[in-house]
Amino acid sequence: MRPLAVSLGDPAGVGPEIIVKAWRHLREDGPRFMVVGDRDSLAAAAQGGGQIRRVGGPDEATAVFGDALPVLDMPLTSPVVAGQPSPLYAPAVIRSIETAVGLALSGAASGVVTAPIAKAPLYEAGFKFPGHTEFLAELTAAAPMDGPRGPVMMLTAADLKTVLVTIHTPLKQAIADLSVDRIVDVGRVTAYALTRDFGIARPRLALAGLNPHAGEGGAMGREEVEIVAPAAARLRALGIACADPQPADSLFHAEARARYDAVICLYHDQALIPVKTIDFWGGVNITLGLPIVRTSPDHGTGFGIAGRGVARADSLIAAIRTAAEMAARREAARAAA
């Protein structure tokens, strides 16, 4: 299979360090990948450049992966100080993502894994997207794809998959933004992805309520009655198995998780708290509804520990493995068509 393209992320964060650690963990029998970004940042994280090799493209990356971490070098024009973000790095960060996505769209890479970015320095440099998810949707908007288009953010940990209706939105605004159509769109994208990318023939969706006790029939809020339950009914009418909204405080224990394949959550923390509680170090962020595979570690840039050699690569390793599994399923489906 073609290698994955891994964008470097913010070079002042833990991205270079965890990428080097992930390569050391996966070099013998793990999925192959190529880093897109500044070689010198990786060499500093590796405490020497001997294990970092410039390559001209994915084919060369596959050939050298067992001996050295392959990097499509995009040199920075400003020196990096670990733990000190700067808008000066923003053009390179953006170009790394754009190049990785282009490789995946062309078929040269089997998918994209993105190391963490910091939004504030990007905003200072004029970046106009809330985060990776929205930027990737823009970059891939013109590409054809099968199935409903997202983006939809999925978080995974162990046997739990959560998807979000609203993402990086203040809670008050997230509630105002809820609609039947929005929930239905997320459900459609999720059900399709569970079949295509995760091999689940008949996906079962759960739906978290917004209010305590899922509104208790309207006594504790009308959103379940007027928005959430009608969305579940519409999804069932489309042939998607989706339960009526359930109290969020009883959806995430082991017995509940056995009853569904993914749960639709209505706002950011409703999805992320259970994922990070179940597996704080190994969660994976996946973007559904794109024409390419994209995953990322479920954590930020870690500026407070950058450059100290203590960052854990668990989440990135899981993200790389997940991307490779998704890409393999897509490739097998294309071969069978």
C-alpha atoms as a PDB file:
ATOM      1  CA  MET A   1       0.000   0.000   0.000  1.00  0.00           C
ATOM      2  CA  ARG A   2       1.156   3.551  -0.669  1.00  0.00           C
ATOM      3  CA  PRO A   3       2.616   5.343   2.357  1.00  0.00           C
ATOM      4  CA  LEU A   4       0.712   7.847   4.450  1.00  0.00           C
ATOM      5  CA  ALA A   5       1.639  11.536   4.373  1.00  0.00           C
ATOM      6  CA  VAL A   6       2.219  12.971   7.858  1.00  0.00           C
ATOM      7  CA  SER A   7       2.188  16.768   8.119  1.00  0.00           C
ATOM      8  CA  LEU A   8       4.697  18.118  10.641  1.00  0.00           C
ATOM      9  CA  GLY A   9       2.324  20.382  12.573  1.00  0.00           C
ATOM     10  CA  ASP A  10       3.694  23.272  14.598  1.00  0.00           C
ATOM     11  CA  PRO A  11       7.480  22.804  14.631  1.00  0.00           C
ATOM     12  CA  ALA A  12       7.767  24.447  18.069  1.00  0.00           C
ATOM     13  CA  GLY A  13       5.419  21.885  19.603  1.00  0.00           C
ATOM     14  CA  VAL A  14       5.747  18.177  20.275  1.00  0.00           C
ATOM     15  CA  GLY A  15       4.967  17.217  16.675  1.00  0.00           C
ATOM     16  CA  PRO A  16       8.569  16.565  15.550  1.00  0.00           C
ATOM     17  CA  GLU A  17       9.316  14.568  18.711  1.00  0.00           C
ATOM     18  CA  ILE A  18       6.274  12.304  18.564  1.00  0.00           C
ATOM     19  CA  ILE A  19       6.752  11.733  14.828  1.00  0.00           C
ATOM     20  CA  VAL A  20      10.307  10.501  15.434  1.00  0.00           C
ATOM     21  CA  LYS A  21       9.101   8.302  18.301  1.00  0.00           C
ATOM     22  CA  ALA A  22       6.258   6.929  16.162  1.00  0.00           C
ATOM     23  CA  TRP A  23       8.690   6.046  13.377  1.00  0.00           C
ATOM     24  CA  ARG A  24      10.984   4.239  15.829  1.00  0.00           C
ATOM     25  CA  HIS A  25       8.001   2.268  17.107  1.00  0.00           C
ATOM     26  CA  LEU A  26       6.629   1.401  13.649  1.00  0.00           C
ATOM     27  CA  ARG A  27       9.767   1.125  11.510  1.00  0.00           C
ATOM     28  CA  GLU A  28      10.000  -2.666  11.548  1.00  0.00           C
ATOM     29  CA  ASP A  29       6.451  -3.831  10.896  1.00  0.00           C
ATOM     30  CA  GLY A  30       4.132  -0.830  11.110  1.00  0.00           C
ATOM     31  CA  PRO A  31       2.440   1.242   8.407  1.00  0.00           C
ATOM     32  CA  ARG A  32       4.798   3.195   6.169  1.00  0.00           C
ATOM     33  CA  PHE A  33       4.624   6.980   6.170  1.00  0.00           C
ATOM     34  CA  MET A  34       6.459  10.040   4.907  1.00  0.00           C
ATOM     35  CA  VAL A  35       6.716  13.318   6.812  1.00  0.00           C
ATOM     36  CA  VAL A  36       5.922  16.539   4.985  1.00  0.00           C
ATOM     37  CA  GLY A  37       7.766  19.441   6.615  1.00  0.00           C
ATOM     38  CA  ASP A  38      11.063  20.773   7.909  1.00  0.00           C
ATOM     39  CA  ARG A  39      13.818  18.160   8.079  1.00  0.00           C
ATOM     40  CA  ASP A  40      15.915  20.106  10.589  1.00  0.00           C
ATOM     41  CA  SER A  41      13.075  20.154  13.135  1.00  0.00           C
ATOM     42  CA  LEU A  42      12.899  16.367  12.930  1.00  0.00           C
ATOM     43  CA  ALA A  43      16.676  16.031  13.163  1.00  0.00           C
ATOM     44  CA  ALA A  44      16.688  18.141  16.336  1.00  0.00           C
ATOM     45  CA  ALA A  45      13.975  15.942  17.829  1.00  0.00           C
ATOM     46  CA  ALA A  46      15.960  12.836  16.883  1.00  0.00           C
ATOM     47  CA  GLN A  47      19.071  14.375  18.491  1.00  0.00           C
ATOM     48  CA  GLY A  48      20.944  14.050  15.242  1.00  0.00           C
ATOM     49  CA  GLY A  49      20.178  13.844  11.548  1.00  0.00           C
ATOM     50  CA  GLY A  50      21.437  10.344  10.843  1.00  0.00           C
ATOM     51  CA  GLN A  51      18.019   8.753  11.115  1.00  0.00           C
ATOM     52  CA  ILE A  52      16.270  11.451   9.048  1.00  0.00           C
ATOM     53  CA  ARG A  53      16.461  11.216   5.274  1.00  0.00           C
ATOM     54  CA  ARG A  54      15.241  13.607   2.600  1.00  0.00           C
ATOM     55  CA  VAL A  55      13.198  11.898  -0.105  1.00  0.00           C
ATOM     56  CA  GLY A  56      11.693  13.078  -3.363  1.00  0.00           C
ATOM     57  CA  GLY A  57       8.330  11.390  -2.949  1.00  0.00           C
ATOM     58  CA  PRO A  58       6.264   8.514  -1.557  1.00  0.00           C
ATOM     59  CA  ASP A  59       7.908   5.742  -3.588  1.00  0.00           C
ATOM     60  CA  GLU A  60      11.326   6.591  -2.239  1.00  0.00           C
ATOM     61  CA  ALA A  61       9.859   6.938   1.241  1.00  0.00           C
ATOM     62  CA  THR A  62       8.620   3.355   1.213  1.00  0.00           C
ATOM     63  CA  ALA A  63      12.035   2.079   0.182  1.00  0.00           C
ATOM     64  CA  VAL A  64      13.965   3.808   2.982  1.00  0.00           C
ATOM     65  CA  PHE A  65      11.397   3.622   5.810  1.00  0.00           C
ATOM     66  CA  GLY A  66      13.005   0.678   7.601  1.00  0.00           C
ATOM     67  CA  ASP A  67      16.352   2.473   7.817  1.00  0.00           C
ATOM     68  CA  ALA A  68      15.455   6.149   8.176  1.00  0.00           C
ATOM     69  CA  LEU A  69      12.509   8.465   8.718  1.00  0.00           C
ATOM     70  CA  PRO A  70      11.682   9.791   5.235  1.00  0.00           C
ATOM     71  CA  VAL A  71      10.840  13.488   4.928  1.00  0.00           C
ATOM     72  CA  LEU A  72       9.727  15.577   1.989  1.00  0.00           C
ATOM     73  CA  ASP A  73      11.742  18.564   3.137  1.00  0.00           C
ATOM     74  CA  MET A  74      10.126  21.974   3.365  1.00  0.00           C
ATOM     75  CA  PRO A  75      12.770  24.070   5.099  1.00  0.00           C
ATOM     76  CA  LEU A  76      11.723  26.799   7.497  1.00  0.00           C
ATOM     77  CA  THR A  77      12.995  30.331   6.981  1.00  0.00           C
ATOM     78  CA  SER A  78      13.055  31.120  10.719  1.00  0.00           C
ATOM     79  CA  PRO A  79      14.857  29.185  13.469  1.00  0.00           C
ATOM     80  CA  VAL A  80      12.626  27.174  15.791  1.00  0.00           C
ATOM     81  CA  VAL A  81      12.726  27.466  19.562  1.00  0.00           C
ATOM     82  CA  ALA A  82      10.941  24.512  21.159  1.00  0.00           C
ATOM     83  CA  GLY A  83       7.950  25.597  23.196  1.00  0.00           C
ATOM     84  CA  GLN A  84       7.793  29.072  21.662  1.00  0.00           C
ATOM     85  CA  PRO A  85       5.134  29.303  18.936  1.00  0.00           C
ATOM     86  CA  SER A  86       5.417  32.024  16.320  1.00  0.00           C
ATOM     87  CA  PRO A  87       3.331  33.240  13.378  1.00  0.00           C
ATOM     88  CA  LEU A  88       6.570  33.130  11.374  1.00  0.00           C
ATOM     89  CA  TYR A  89       6.113  29.360  11.074  1.00  0.00           C
ATOM     90  CA  ALA A  90       2.517  29.649   9.851  1.00  0.00           C
ATOM     91  CA  PRO A  91       3.180  29.630   6.080  1.00  0.00           C
ATOM     92  CA  ALA A  92       5.257  26.464   6.408  1.00  0.00           C
ATOM     93  CA  VAL A  93       2.663  24.797   8.651  1.00  0.00           C
ATOM     94  CA  ILE A  94      -0.082  25.563   6.143  1.00  0.00           C
ATOM     95  CA  ARG A  95       2.012  24.464   3.159  1.00  0.00           C
ATOM     96  CA  SER A  96       2.799  21.168   4.880  1.00  0.00           C
ATOM     97  CA  ILE A  97      -0.901  20.410   5.277  1.00  0.00           C
ATOM     98  CA  GLU A  98      -1.712  21.502   1.721  1.00  0.00           C
ATOM     99  CA  THR A  99       1.060  19.322   0.292  1.00  0.00           C
ATOM    100  CA  ALA A 100       0.050  16.259   2.304  1.00  0.00           C
ATOM    101  CA  VAL A 101      -3.560  16.658   1.190  1.00  0.00           C
ATOM    102  CA  GLY A 102      -2.457  17.091  -2.427  1.00  0.00           C
ATOM    103  CA  LEU A 103      -0.478  13.846  -2.246  1.00  0.00           C
ATOM    104  CA  ALA A 104      -3.534  12.011  -0.941  1.00  0.00           C
ATOM    105  CA  LEU A 105      -5.867  13.538  -3.525  1.00  0.00           C
ATOM    106  CA  SER A 106      -3.510  12.526  -6.336  1.00  0.00           C
ATOM    107  CA  GLY A 107      -3.260   8.965  -5.034  1.00  0.00           C
ATOM    108  CA  ALA A 108       0.457   9.228  -4.319  1.00  0.00           C
ATOM    109  CA  ALA A 109      -0.243   8.875  -0.578  1.00  0.00           C
ATOM    110  CA  SER A 110      -2.865   6.563   0.895  1.00  0.00           C
ATOM    111  CA  GLY A 111      -4.053   9.114   3.445  1.00  0.00           C
ATOM    112  CA  VAL A 112      -3.084  12.025   5.665  1.00  0.00           C
ATOM    113  CA  VAL A 113      -2.129  12.091   9.326  1.00  0.00           C
ATOM    114  CA  THR A 114      -1.773  15.574  10.783  1.00  0.00           C
ATOM    115  CA  ALA A 115       0.456  16.408  13.736  1.00  0.00           C
ATOM    116  CA  PRO A 116      -0.954  19.091  16.069  1.00  0.00           C
ATOM    117  CA  ILE A 117      -1.165  22.745  15.097  1.00  0.00           C
ATOM    118  CA  ALA A 118      -1.630  25.823  17.285  1.00  0.00           C
ATOM    119  CA  LYS A 119      -4.468  28.008  16.117  1.00  0.00           C
ATOM    120  CA  ALA A 120      -3.431  31.338  17.678  1.00  0.00           C
ATOM    121  CA  PRO A 121      -0.193  31.839  15.693  1.00  0.00           C
ATOM    122  CA  LEU A 122      -1.965  30.742  12.523  1.00  0.00           C
ATOM    123  CA  TYR A 123      -4.715  33.289  13.137  1.00  0.00           C
ATOM    124  CA  GLU A 124      -2.070  35.969  13.615  1.00  0.00           C
ATOM    125  CA  ALA A 125      -0.768  35.098  10.156  1.00  0.00           C
ATOM    126  CA  GLY A 126      -4.232  35.346   8.587  1.00  0.00           C
ATOM    127  CA  PHE A 127      -5.444  31.725   8.756  1.00  0.00           C
ATOM    128  CA  LYS A 128      -9.248  31.863   8.566  1.00  0.00           C
ATOM    129  CA  PHE A 129     -10.332  28.363   9.567  1.00  0.00           C
ATOM    130  CA  PRO A 130     -11.321  27.196  13.081  1.00  0.00           C
ATOM    131  CA  GLY A 131      -8.976  24.233  12.796  1.00  0.00           C
ATOM    132  CA  HIS A 132      -7.693  21.310  10.743  1.00  0.00           C
ATOM    133  CA  THR A 133     -11.152  19.831  10.121  1.00  0.00           C
ATOM    134  CA  GLU A 134     -12.586  22.875   8.396  1.00  0.00           C
ATOM    135  CA  PHE A 135      -9.367  23.566   6.460  1.00  0.00           C
ATOM    136  CA  LEU A 136      -9.262  20.010   5.127  1.00  0.00           C
ATOM    137  CA  ALA A 137     -12.884  20.292   4.035  1.00  0.00           C
ATOM    138  CA  GLU A 138     -11.986  23.407   2.023  1.00  0.00           C
ATOM    139  CA  LEU A 139      -8.913  21.788   0.470  1.00  0.00           C
ATOM    140  CA  THR A 140     -10.901  18.742  -0.671  1.00  0.00           C
ATOM    141  CA  ALA A 141     -14.187  20.456  -1.570  1.00  0.00           C
ATOM    142  CA  ALA A 142     -13.734  20.155  -5.331  1.00  0.00           C
ATOM    143  CA  ALA A 143     -12.667  16.499  -5.315  1.00  0.00           C
ATOM    144  CA  PRO A 144     -15.283  13.875  -6.192  1.00  0.00           C
ATOM    145  CA  MET A 145     -16.244  11.351  -3.556  1.00  0.00           C
ATOM    146  CA  ASP A 146     -18.645   8.532  -2.883  1.00  0.00           C
ATOM    147  CA  GLY A 147     -21.276   8.963  -0.194  1.00  0.00           C
ATOM    148  CA  PRO A 148     -22.369  12.010   1.802  1.00  0.00           C
ATOM    149  CA  ARG A 149     -19.803  14.774   2.294  1.00  0.00           C
ATOM    150  CA  GLY A 150     -18.729  16.087   5.690  1.00  0.00           C
ATOM    151  CA  PRO A 151     -16.671  17.123   7.421  1.00  0.00           C
ATOM    152  CA  VAL A 152     -17.675  15.281  10.561  1.00  0.00           C
ATOM    153  CA  MET A 153     -15.269  14.947  13.480  1.00  0.00           C
ATOM    154  CA  MET A 154     -15.021  11.483  15.033  1.00  0.00           C
ATOM    155  CA  LEU A 155     -13.062  10.683  18.200  1.00  0.00           C
ATOM    156  CA  THR A 156     -12.162   7.095  19.000  1.00  0.00           C
ATOM    157  CA  ALA A 157     -10.791   5.351  22.076  1.00  0.00           C
ATOM    158  CA  ALA A 158     -10.811   1.598  22.624  1.00  0.00           C
ATOM    159  CA  ASP A 159     -14.358   0.479  21.680  1.00  0.00           C
ATOM    160  CA  LEU A 160     -15.893   3.968  21.745  1.00  0.00           C
ATOM    161  CA  LYS A 161     -16.567   6.148  18.710  1.00  0.00           C
ATOM    162  CA  THR A 162     -18.124   9.581  19.150  1.00  0.00           C
ATOM    163  CA  VAL A 163     -19.054  12.091  16.457  1.00  0.00           C
ATOM    164  CA  LEU A 164     -19.802  15.783  16.923  1.00  0.00           C
ATOM    165  CA  VAL A 165     -22.664  17.893  15.605  1.00  0.00           C
ATOM    166  CA  THR A 166     -20.978  21.117  16.737  1.00  0.00           C
ATOM    167  CA  ILE A 167     -17.233  21.336  17.271  1.00  0.00           C
ATOM    168  CA  HIS A 168     -15.177  24.360  18.334  1.00  0.00           C
ATOM    169  CA  THR A 169     -18.176  26.476  19.262  1.00  0.00           C
ATOM    170  CA  PRO A 170     -19.041  28.186  22.561  1.00  0.00           C
ATOM    171  CA  LEU A 171     -21.668  26.124  24.360  1.00  0.00           C
ATOM    172  CA  LYS A 172     -24.357  28.807  24.136  1.00  0.00           C
ATOM    173  CA  GLN A 173     -23.830  29.085  20.380  1.00  0.00           C
ATOM    174  CA  ALA A 174     -23.649  25.319  19.949  1.00  0.00           C
ATOM    175  CA  ILE A 175     -27.133  24.952  21.422  1.00  0.00           C
ATOM    176  CA  ALA A 176     -28.445  27.693  19.154  1.00  0.00           C
ATOM    177  CA  ASP A 177     -26.875  25.996  16.131  1.00  0.00           C
ATOM    178  CA  LEU A 178     -28.580  22.633  16.651  1.00  0.00           C
ATOM    179  CA  SER A 179     -31.086  21.644  13.990  1.00  0.00           C
ATOM    180  CA  VAL A 180     -32.755  18.512  12.673  1.00  0.00           C
ATOM    181  CA  ASP A 181     -30.932  18.861   9.347  1.00  0.00           C
ATOM    182  CA  ARG A 182     -27.533  19.239  11.010  1.00  0.00           C
ATOM    183  CA  ILE A 183     -27.968  16.120  13.151  1.00  0.00           C
ATOM    184  CA  VAL A 184     -29.266  14.134  10.181  1.00  0.00           C
ATOM    185  CA  ASP A 185     -26.287  15.169   8.052  1.00  0.00           C
ATOM    186  CA  VAL A 186     -23.874  13.986  10.760  1.00  0.00           C
ATOM    187  CA  GLY A 187     -25.765  10.707  11.104  1.00  0.00           C
ATOM    188  CA  ARG A 188     -25.681  10.032   7.361  1.00  0.00           C
ATOM    189  CA  VAL A 189     -21.958  10.724   7.062  1.00  0.00           C
ATOM    190  CA  THR A 190     -21.238   8.608  10.137  1.00  0.00           C
ATOM    191  CA  ALA A 191     -23.286   5.604   9.043  1.00  0.00           C
ATOM    192  CA  TYR A 192     -21.650   5.598   5.611  1.00  0.00           C
ATOM    193  CA  ALA A 193     -18.153   5.886   7.083  1.00  0.00           C
ATOM    194  CA  LEU A 194     -18.765   3.103   9.593  1.00  0.00           C
ATOM    195  CA  THR A 195     -19.522   0.774   6.690  1.00  0.00           C
ATOM    196  CA  ARG A 196     -16.843   1.972   4.240  1.00  0.00           C
ATOM    197  CA  ASP A 197     -13.966   2.731   6.606  1.00  0.00           C
ATOM    198  CA  PHE A 198     -14.636   0.431   9.572  1.00  0.00           C
ATOM    199  CA  GLY A 199     -16.265  -2.578   7.907  1.00  0.00           C
ATOM    200  CA  ILE A 200     -19.532  -2.447   9.910  1.00  0.00           C
ATOM    201  CA  ALA A 201     -22.272  -3.762   7.616  1.00  0.00           C
ATOM    202  CA  ARG A 202     -25.242  -2.480   9.628  1.00  0.00           C
ATOM    203  CA  PRO A 203     -24.151   0.471  11.761  1.00  0.00           C
ATOM    204  CA  ARG A 204     -26.074   1.278  14.936  1.00  0.00           C
ATOM    205  CA  LEU A 205     -26.106   4.892  16.064  1.00  0.00           C
ATOM    206  CA  ALA A 206     -26.868   6.241  19.505  1.00  0.00           C
ATOM    207  CA  LEU A 207     -27.883   9.854  20.010  1.00  0.00           C
ATOM    208  CA  ALA A 208     -27.016  11.819  23.147  1.00  0.00           C
ATOM    209  CA  GLY A 209     -29.609  14.127  24.624  1.00  0.00           C
ATOM    210  CA  LEU A 210     -28.755  17.740  25.244  1.00  0.00           C
ATOM    211  CA  ASN A 211     -30.486  18.346  28.551  1.00  0.00           C
ATOM    212  CA  PRO A 212     -30.371  16.423  31.851  1.00  0.00           C
ATOM    213  CA  HIS A 213     -32.362  13.174  31.569  1.00  0.00           C
ATOM    214  CA  ALA A 214     -32.616  13.853  27.805  1.00  0.00           C
ATOM    215  CA  GLY A 215     -35.110  16.599  28.609  1.00  0.00           C
ATOM    216  CA  GLU A 216     -37.486  14.277  30.481  1.00  0.00           C
ATOM    217  CA  GLY A 217     -40.268  14.646  27.955  1.00  0.00           C
ATOM    218  CA  GLY A 218     -39.863  18.418  27.735  1.00  0.00           C
ATOM    219  CA  ALA A 219     -39.860  19.087  31.463  1.00  0.00           C
ATOM    220  CA  MET A 220     -36.118  19.932  31.428  1.00  0.00           C
ATOM    221  CA  GLY A 221     -35.847  21.438  27.962  1.00  0.00           C
ATOM    222  CA  ARG A 222     -37.580  21.207  24.619  1.00  0.00           C
ATOM    223  CA  GLU A 223     -34.601  20.479  22.357  1.00  0.00           C
ATOM    224  CA  GLU A 224     -35.058  16.710  22.521  1.00  0.00           C
ATOM    225  CA  VAL A 225     -38.742  16.988  21.638  1.00  0.00           C
ATOM    226  CA  GLU A 226     -38.365  19.577  18.896  1.00  0.00           C
ATOM    227  CA  ILE A 227     -34.951  18.791  17.360  1.00  0.00           C
ATOM    228  CA  VAL A 228     -33.104  15.691  18.556  1.00  0.00           C
ATOM    229  CA  ALA A 229     -35.862  13.051  18.517  1.00  0.00           C
ATOM    230  CA  PRO A 230     -37.204  14.227  15.109  1.00  0.00           C
ATOM    231  CA  ALA A 231     -33.656  13.895  13.736  1.00  0.00           C
ATOM    232  CA  ALA A 232     -33.468  10.311  14.994  1.00  0.00           C
ATOM    233  CA  ALA A 233     -36.821   9.558  13.355  1.00  0.00           C
ATOM    234  CA  ARG A 234     -35.649  11.012  10.048  1.00  0.00           C
ATOM    235  CA  LEU A 235     -32.481   8.926  10.136  1.00  0.00           C
ATOM    236  CA  ARG A 236     -34.556   5.785  10.698  1.00  0.00           C
ATOM    237  CA  ALA A 237     -36.744   6.787   7.754  1.00  0.00           C
ATOM    238  CA  LEU A 238     -33.563   6.862   5.662  1.00  0.00           C
ATOM    239  CA  GLY A 239     -32.809   3.279   6.700  1.00  0.00           C
ATOM    240  CA  ILE A 240     -30.181   4.148   9.327  1.00  0.00           C
ATOM    241  CA  ALA A 241     -30.514   2.463  12.718  1.00  0.00           C
ATOM    242  CA  CYS A 242     -30.559   5.351  15.184  1.00  0.00           C
ATOM    243  CA  ALA A 243     -32.009   5.236  18.684  1.00  0.00           C
ATOM    244  CA  ASP A 244     -33.980   8.098  20.210  1.00  0.00           C
ATOM    245  CA  PRO A 245     -31.973  10.525  22.361  1.00  0.00           C
ATOM    246  CA  GLN A 246     -30.705   9.063  25.612  1.00  0.00           C
ATOM    247  CA  PRO A 247     -29.377  10.790  28.739  1.00  0.00           C
ATOM    248  CA  ALA A 248     -25.700  11.473  28.109  1.00  0.00           C
ATOM    249  CA  ASP A 249     -24.735  10.409  31.634  1.00  0.00           C
ATOM    250  CA  SER A 250     -25.702   6.802  30.895  1.00  0.00           C
ATOM    251  CA  LEU A 251     -24.394   6.378  27.346  1.00  0.00           C
ATOM    252  CA  PHE A 252     -20.711   5.695  27.837  1.00  0.00           C
ATOM    253  CA  HIS A 253     -20.234   2.845  30.304  1.00  0.00           C
ATOM    254  CA  ALA A 254     -19.232  -0.564  28.950  1.00  0.00           C
ATOM    255  CA  GLU A 255     -22.719  -2.095  28.808  1.00  0.00           C
ATOM    256  CA  ALA A 256     -24.089   0.926  26.941  1.00  0.00           C
ATOM    257  CA  ARG A 257     -21.208   0.944  24.461  1.00  0.00           C
ATOM    258  CA  ALA A 258     -22.067  -2.620  23.455  1.00  0.00           C
ATOM    259  CA  ARG A 259     -25.424  -1.406  22.119  1.00  0.00           C
ATOM    260  CA  TYR A 260     -24.125   0.945  19.423  1.00  0.00           C
ATOM    261  CA  ASP A 261     -21.250   1.461  16.986  1.00  0.00           C
ATOM    262  CA  ALA A 262     -21.017   5.243  17.365  1.00  0.00           C
ATOM    263  CA  VAL A 263     -22.774   7.904  19.388  1.00  0.00           C
ATOM    264  CA  ILE A 264     -23.764  11.290  17.983  1.00  0.00           C
ATOM    265  CA  CYS A 265     -22.847  13.999  20.481  1.00  0.00           C
ATOM    266  CA  LEU A 266     -24.228  17.507  20.299  1.00  0.00           C
ATOM    267  CA  TYR A 267     -21.315  19.592  21.553  1.00  0.00           C
ATOM    268  CA  HIS A 268     -17.560  19.365  22.008  1.00  0.00           C
ATOM    269  CA  ASP A 269     -17.083  18.198  25.599  1.00  0.00           C
ATOM    270  CA  GLN A 270     -19.970  15.737  25.426  1.00  0.00           C
ATOM    271  CA  ALA A 271     -17.877  13.748  22.928  1.00  0.00           C
ATOM    272  CA  LEU A 272     -14.361  14.359  24.185  1.00  0.00           C
ATOM    273  CA  ILE A 273     -14.753  13.774  27.919  1.00  0.00           C
ATOM    274  CA  PRO A 274     -15.714  10.083  27.594  1.00  0.00           C
ATOM    275  CA  VAL A 275     -13.056   9.440  24.933  1.00  0.00           C
ATOM    276  CA  LYS A 276     -10.286  10.955  27.034  1.00  0.00           C
ATOM    277  CA  THR A 277     -11.546   9.244  30.170  1.00  0.00           C
ATOM    278  CA  ILE A 278     -11.473   5.810  28.528  1.00  0.00           C
ATOM    279  CA  ASP A 279      -8.052   6.266  26.897  1.00  0.00           C
ATOM    280  CA  PHE A 280      -6.408   9.597  27.622  1.00  0.00           C
ATOM    281  CA  TRP A 281      -3.165   8.779  25.797  1.00  0.00           C
ATOM    282  CA  GLY A 282      -4.412   6.786  22.831  1.00  0.00           C
ATOM    283  CA  GLY A 283      -7.435   8.626  21.429  1.00  0.00           C
ATOM    284  CA  VAL A 284      -7.619   9.371  17.711  1.00  0.00           C
ATOM    285  CA  ASN A 285      -9.296  12.221  15.838  1.00  0.00           C
ATOM    286  CA  ILE A 286     -10.744  11.183  12.452  1.00  0.00           C
ATOM    287  CA  THR A 287     -12.384  13.381   9.836  1.00  0.00           C
ATOM    288  CA  LEU A 288     -15.301  11.602   8.179  1.00  0.00           C
ATOM    289  CA  GLY A 289     -16.958  12.615   4.945  1.00  0.00           C
ATOM    290  CA  LEU A 290     -13.813  13.539   2.996  1.00  0.00           C
ATOM    291  CA  PRO A 291     -12.589  12.049  -0.289  1.00  0.00           C
ATOM    292  CA  ILE A 292      -9.324  11.214   1.510  1.00  0.00           C
ATOM    293  CA  VAL A 293      -8.450   9.435   4.739  1.00  0.00           C
ATOM    294  CA  ARG A 294      -7.427  11.833   7.524  1.00  0.00           C
ATOM    295  CA  THR A 295      -6.588  11.125  11.153  1.00  0.00           C
ATOM    296  CA  SER A 296      -4.657  12.932  13.872  1.00  0.00           C
ATOM    297  CA  PRO A 297      -3.633  12.474  17.491  1.00  0.00           C
ATOM    298  CA  ASP A 298      -6.269  13.617  19.951  1.00  0.00           C
ATOM    299  CA  HIS A 299      -4.127  16.209  21.718  1.00  0.00           C
ATOM    300  CA  GLY A 300      -2.572  19.590  21.119  1.00  0.00           C
ATOM    301  CA  THR A 301       0.880  20.989  20.501  1.00  0.00           C
ATOM    302  CA  GLY A 302       2.163  20.520  24.069  1.00  0.00           C
ATOM    303  CA  PHE A 303       4.300  23.656  24.065  1.00  0.00           C
ATOM    304  CA  GLY A 304       4.864  23.260  27.812  1.00  0.00           C
ATOM    305  CA  ILE A 305       6.801  20.014  27.329  1.00  0.00           C
ATOM    306  CA  ALA A 306       8.201  20.554  23.821  1.00  0.00           C
ATOM    307  CA  GLY A 307      11.918  19.933  23.482  1.00  0.00           C
ATOM    308  CA  ARG A 308      12.204  18.003  26.738  1.00  0.00           C
ATOM    309  CA  GLY A 309      11.969  14.510  25.257  1.00  0.00           C
ATOM    310  CA  VAL A 310       9.021  13.471  27.441  1.00  0.00           C
ATOM    311  CA  ALA A 311       6.108  13.672  24.973  1.00  0.00           C
ATOM    312  CA  ARG A 312       4.224  10.413  24.466  1.00  0.00           C
ATOM    313  CA  ALA A 313       3.558   9.201  20.925  1.00  0.00           C
ATOM    314  CA  ASP A 314       0.711   6.791  21.787  1.00  0.00           C
ATOM    315  CA  SER A 315      -2.001   8.865  20.146  1.00  0.00           C
ATOM    316  CA  LEU A 316       0.003   9.517  16.974  1.00  0.00           C
ATOM    317  CA  ILE A 317       0.880   5.843  16.669  1.00  0.00           C
ATOM    318  CA  ALA A 318      -2.817   4.970  17.015  1.00  0.00           C
ATOM    319  CA  ALA A 319      -3.699   7.649  14.441  1.00  0.00           C
ATOM    320  CA  ILE A 320      -1.195   6.211  11.938  1.00  0.00           C
ATOM    321  CA  ARG A 321      -2.459   2.675  12.451  1.00  0.00           C
ATOM    322  CA  THR A 322      -6.091   3.819  12.128  1.00  0.00           C
ATOM    323  CA  ALA A 323      -5.378   5.751   8.922  1.00  0.00           C
ATOM    324  CA  ALA A 324      -3.620   2.738   7.415  1.00  0.00           C
ATOM    325  CA  GLU A 325      -6.550   0.453   8.287  1.00  0.00           C
ATOM    326  CA  MET A 326      -9.069   2.877   6.783  1.00  0.00           C
ATOM    327  CA  ALA A 327      -6.978   3.319   3.644  1.00  0.00           C
ATOM    328  CA  ALA A 328      -6.634  -0.453   3.232  1.00  0.00           C
ATOM    329  CA  ARG A 329     -10.426  -0.877   3.394  1.00  0.00           C
ATOM    330  CA  ARG A 330     -10.957   1.842   0.800  1.00  0.00           C
ATOM    331  CA  GLU A 331      -8.327   0.307  -1.460  1.00  0.00           C
ATOM    332  CA  ALA A 332      -9.894  -3.139  -1.142  1.00  0.00           C
ATOM    333  CA  ALA A 333     -13.320  -1.715  -1.977  1.00  0.00           C
ATOM    334  CA  ARG A 334     -11.949  -0.015  -5.093  1.00  0.00           C
ATOM    335  CA  ALA A 335     -10.251  -3.224  -6.186  1.00  0.00           C
ATOM    336  CA  ALA A 336     -13.491  -5.170  -5.726  1.00  0.00           C
ATOM    337  CA  ALA A 337     -15.642  -2.644  -7.622  1.00  0.00           C
END
